[in-house]
Structures are given as structure tokens and as C-alpha cells.
C-alpha atoms as a PDB file:
ATOM      1  CA  MET A   1     143.116  93.276  61.437  1.00  0.00           C
ATOM      2  CA  THR A   2     142.467  96.759  60.133  1.00  0.00           C
ATOM      3  CA  THR A   3     139.243  98.300  61.411  1.00  0.00           C
ATOM      4  CA  PRO A   4     136.651  99.973  59.186  1.00  0.00           C
ATOM      5  CA  ALA A   5     137.478 103.330  60.806  1.00  0.00           C
ATOM      6  CA  GLU A   6     141.183 102.928  59.958  1.00  0.00           C
ATOM      7  CA  LEU A   7     140.351 102.012  56.364  1.00  0.00           C
ATOM      8  CA  LEU A   8     138.104 105.067  56.079  1.00  0.00           C
ATOM      9  CA  ARG A   9     140.777 107.400  57.466  1.00  0.00           C
ATOM     10  CA  ALA A  10     143.284 106.046  54.942  1.00  0.00           C
ATOM     11  CA  ALA A  11     140.747 106.397  52.112  1.00  0.00           C
ATOM     12  CA  ASP A  12     139.969 109.973  53.118  1.00  0.00           C
ATOM     13  CA  ARG A  13     143.673 110.868  53.185  1.00  0.00           C
ATOM     14  CA  LEU A  14     144.103 109.462  49.667  1.00  0.00           C
ATOM     15  CA  ALA A  15     141.000 111.172  48.292  1.00  0.00           C
ATOM     16  CA  SER A  16     141.804 114.556  49.786  1.00  0.00           C
ATOM     17  CA  GLY A  17     145.572 114.595  49.386  1.00  0.00           C
ATOM     18  CA  ASN A  18     147.841 115.538  46.521  1.00  0.00           C
ATOM     19  CA  GLY A  19     147.795 113.456  43.393  1.00  0.00           C
ATOM     20  CA  THR A  20     144.012 113.172  43.119  1.00  0.00           C
ATOM     21  CA  ARG A  21     143.761 114.917  39.781  1.00  0.00           C
ATOM     22  CA  SER A  22     141.903 113.179  36.984  1.00  0.00           C
ATOM     23  CA  GLY A  23     143.859 110.308  35.511  1.00  0.00           C
ATOM     24  CA  THR A  24     145.738 109.416  38.682  1.00  0.00           C
ATOM     25  CA  PRO A  25     145.129 106.186  40.586  1.00  0.00           C
ATOM     26  CA  TRP A  26     144.485 107.780  43.988  1.00  0.00           C
ATOM     27  CA  PRO A  27     140.683 108.104  43.770  1.00  0.00           C
ATOM     28  CA  ARG A  28     140.500 104.453  42.699  1.00  0.00           C
ATOM     29  CA  ALA A  29     142.746 103.395  45.596  1.00  0.00           C
ATOM     30  CA  ALA A  30     140.540 105.398  47.983  1.00  0.00           C
ATOM     31  CA  ALA A  31     137.477 103.682  46.500  1.00  0.00           C
ATOM     32  CA  PHE A  32     139.026 100.263  47.163  1.00  0.00           C
ATOM     33  CA  LEU A  33     139.659 101.196  50.785  1.00  0.00           C
ATOM     34  CA  ALA A  34     136.148 102.595  51.265  1.00  0.00           C
ATOM     35  CA  ARG A  35     134.590  99.448  49.799  1.00  0.00           C
ATOM     36  CA  GLN A  36     136.755  97.337  52.103  1.00  0.00           C
ATOM     37  CA  ALA A  37     135.542  99.438  55.033  1.00  0.00           C
ATOM     38  CA  ILE A  38     131.911  98.767  54.100  1.00  0.00           C
ATOM     39  CA  GLU A  39     132.627  95.050  53.819  1.00  0.00           C
ATOM     40  CA  ALA A  40     134.448  95.066  57.177  1.00  0.00           C
ATOM     41  CA  SER A  41     131.494  96.881  58.768  1.00  0.00           C
ATOM     42  CA  LEU A  42     129.162  94.251  57.313  1.00  0.00           C
ATOM     43  CA  ALA A  43     131.339  91.474  58.715  1.00  0.00           C
ATOM     44  CA  GLU A  44     131.260  93.126  62.131  1.00  0.00           C
ATOM     45  CA  LEU A  45     127.485  93.572  61.996  1.00  0.00           C
ATOM     46  CA  TRP A  46     126.746  90.016  60.923  1.00  0.00           C
ATOM     47  CA  SER A  47     129.178  88.487  63.415  1.00  0.00           C
ATOM     48  CA  ARG A  48     126.941  89.942  66.133  1.00  0.00           C
ATOM     49  CA  ARG A  49     123.523  89.611  64.504  1.00  0.00           C
ATOM     50  CA  SER A  50     123.577  86.499  62.341  1.00  0.00           C
ATOM     51  CA  PRO A  51     126.962  84.802  61.839  1.00  0.00           C
ATOM     52  CA  GLY A  52     125.655  82.717  58.940  1.00  0.00           C
ATOM     53  CA  MET A  53     125.167  85.875  56.869  1.00  0.00           C
ATOM     54  CA  ALA A  54     128.938  86.316  56.644  1.00  0.00           C
ATOM     55  CA  THR A  55     129.046  83.472  54.101  1.00  0.00           C
ATOM     56  CA  CYS A  56     126.499  85.169  51.822  1.00  0.00           C
ATOM     57  CA  PRO A  57     127.583  87.380  48.915  1.00  0.00           C
ATOM     58  CA  ALA A  58     127.930  91.075  49.727  1.00  0.00           C
ATOM     59  CA  ARG A  59     124.845  91.960  47.673  1.00  0.00           C
ATOM     60  CA  ILE A  60     122.689  89.683  49.822  1.00  0.00           C
ATOM     61  CA  GLN A  61     124.193  91.127  53.005  1.00  0.00           C
ATOM     62  CA  LEU A  62     123.405  94.623  51.751  1.00  0.00           C
ATOM     63  CA  ILE A  63     119.801  93.720  50.948  1.00  0.00           C
ATOM     64  CA  CYS A  64     119.347  92.449  54.512  1.00  0.00           C
ATOM     65  CA  LEU A  65     120.710  95.539  56.274  1.00  0.00           C
ATOM     66  CA  SER A  66     117.298  96.893  57.253  1.00  0.00           C
ATOM     67  CA  ALA A  67     116.376  93.512  58.745  1.00  0.00           C
ATOM     68  CA  ALA A  68     119.468  93.823  60.952  1.00  0.00           C
ATOM     69  CA  GLY A  69     117.978  96.870  62.617  1.00  0.00           C
ATOM     70  CA  LEU A  70     119.813  99.587  60.709  1.00  0.00           C
ATOM     71  CA  ASP A  71     118.069 102.791  59.723  1.00  0.00           C
ATOM     72  CA  ALA A  72     116.400 102.381  56.323  1.00  0.00           C
ATOM     73  CA  ASP A  73     118.162 105.479  54.927  1.00  0.00           C
ATOM     74  CA  VAL A  74     121.578 104.207  56.013  1.00  0.00           C
ATOM     75  CA  ALA A  75     120.816 100.783  54.511  1.00  0.00           C
ATOM     76  CA  ARG A  76     119.640 102.278  51.195  1.00  0.00           C
ATOM     77  CA  GLN A  77     122.585 104.656  50.966  1.00  0.00           C
ATOM     78  CA  THR A  78     125.038 101.865  51.773  1.00  0.00           C
ATOM     79  CA  ARG A  79     123.658  99.680  48.963  1.00  0.00           C
ATOM     80  CA  HIS A  80     123.985 102.568  46.513  1.00  0.00           C
ATOM     81  CA  VAL A  81     127.488 103.532  47.661  1.00  0.00           C
ATOM     82  CA  TRP A  82     128.790  99.952  47.634  1.00  0.00           C
ATOM     83  CA  ALA A  83     127.641  99.601  44.008  1.00  0.00           C
ATOM     84  CA  ALA A  84     129.208 102.950  43.070  1.00  0.00           C
ATOM     85  CA  LEU A  85     132.476 102.040  44.783  1.00  0.00           C
ATOM     86  CA  SER A  86     132.520  98.654  43.070  1.00  0.00           C
ATOM     87  CA  ALA A  87     132.145 100.355  39.688  1.00  0.00           C
ATOM     88  CA  ALA A  88     134.847 102.902  40.583  1.00  0.00           C
ATOM     89  CA  CYS A  89     137.266 100.125  41.489  1.00  0.00           C
ATOM     90  CA  HIS A  90     137.285  98.778  37.940  1.00  0.00           C
ATOM     91  CA  HIS A  91     139.166 100.582  35.215  1.00  0.00           C
ATOM     92  CA  HIS A  92     137.295 101.112  31.968  1.00  0.00           C
ATOM     93  CA  PRO A  93     139.321 103.019  29.372  1.00  0.00           C
ATOM     94  CA  TYR A  94     136.160 104.473  27.828  1.00  0.00           C
ATOM     95  CA  GLU A  95     134.875 105.968  31.100  1.00  0.00           C
ATOM     96  CA  VAL A  96     135.991 108.901  33.170  1.00  0.00           C
ATOM     97  CA  GLY A  97     136.945 107.677  36.638  1.00  0.00           C
ATOM     98  CA  ALA A  98     135.288 108.876  39.810  1.00  0.00           C
ATOM     99  CA  SER A  99     136.342 112.307  40.994  1.00  0.00           C
ATOM    100  CA  SER A 100     137.964 112.755  44.370  1.00  0.00           C
ATOM    101  CA  HIS A 101     134.837 114.678  45.449  1.00  0.00           C
ATOM    102  CA  GLU A 102     132.594 111.707  44.573  1.00  0.00           C
ATOM    103  CA  VAL A 103     134.895 109.313  46.380  1.00  0.00           C
ATOM    104  CA  ARG A 104     134.940 111.543  49.473  1.00  0.00           C
ATOM    105  CA  GLU A 105     131.109 111.567  49.523  1.00  0.00           C
ATOM    106  CA  TRP A 106     131.125 107.774  49.319  1.00  0.00           C
ATOM    107  CA  ILE A 107     133.672 107.602  52.139  1.00  0.00           C
ATOM    108  CA  HIS A 108     131.367 109.704  54.319  1.00  0.00           C
ATOM    109  CA  ALA A 109     128.482 107.353  53.544  1.00  0.00           C
ATOM    110  CA  ALA A 110     130.651 104.355  54.472  1.00  0.00           C
ATOM    111  CA  ALA A 111     131.499 106.148  57.715  1.00  0.00           C
ATOM    112  CA  ARG A 112     127.773 106.513  58.473  1.00  0.00           C
ATOM    113  CA  LEU A 113     127.380 102.743  58.094  1.00  0.00           C
ATOM    114  CA  ASN A 114     130.346 102.165  60.387  1.00  0.00           C
ATOM    115  CA  GLU A 115     128.881 104.522  63.004  1.00  0.00           C
ATOM    116  CA  ALA A 116     125.505 102.758  62.795  1.00  0.00           C
ATOM    117  CA  VAL A 117     127.139  99.347  63.253  1.00  0.00           C
ATOM    118  CA  GLU A 118     129.253 100.580  66.171  1.00  0.00           C
ATOM    119  CA  SER A 119     126.197 102.089  67.858  1.00  0.00           C
ATOM    120  CA  GLN A 120     124.571  98.661  67.870  1.00  0.00           C
ATOM    121  CA  ALA A 121     127.448  97.094  69.806  1.00  0.00           C
END
């Protein structure tokens, strides 16, 4: 299984590498990987804290982050970033896609969640 840290490294390479100009698929691919990293971090957290939460939808898991002992700022930022990444993962021809800079900021926020989950181990 790929770890959240590995997913984040791959996302960061895609977002910061060549081919991230507007109109290319790389920022979207990086967004997919970052969202997967958040979801993998959630799975790791809930497997330790409350295994039954793993069966709940991601939105419910995100709402309960503060109750799991995570810093309120990390929990709030993670909810925001997960929603932004979810929107960035879907192509809408009438919208401008996320920039590589935006995606990199979201990757850093996902990394903060991963660090917070790892520190609870």
C-alpha cells in the first residue's frame, strides 16, 4: 500500500515539475494524489482512534477530526483543502483549472495533516 507521504511526494513532483502550465493535466493529477493522501491519512487516523469511522463518508470523517484530538486549525484547513482538491479533480470546461501554485499549497496542507496523524502514533 502506498503511504500518504509517498502520495504527497509524487503529487509535489507533478505540481512542481515541467508540464504544469495552464491547460495541462498535471495539476489535476497532483490534486488527485493529494486528495488520496488526505484520505489515506484519515484511514490511518481512524484505524487507531475509532475503526468504525472508516465506513463513514469522507465528509463525516473530516467533520470529526477535532474530536480525534487533532489541532483545530489543522482540522479546519484539512476540511477546506479536501473540498478544494475534490473540486480540482473534476474537469469543468467553463472553469479555469487550479494552478500548480494552488495545488502545491494544498499538498503542503495535506502534509500537515499527515504529520499530525503520524505524531499521534
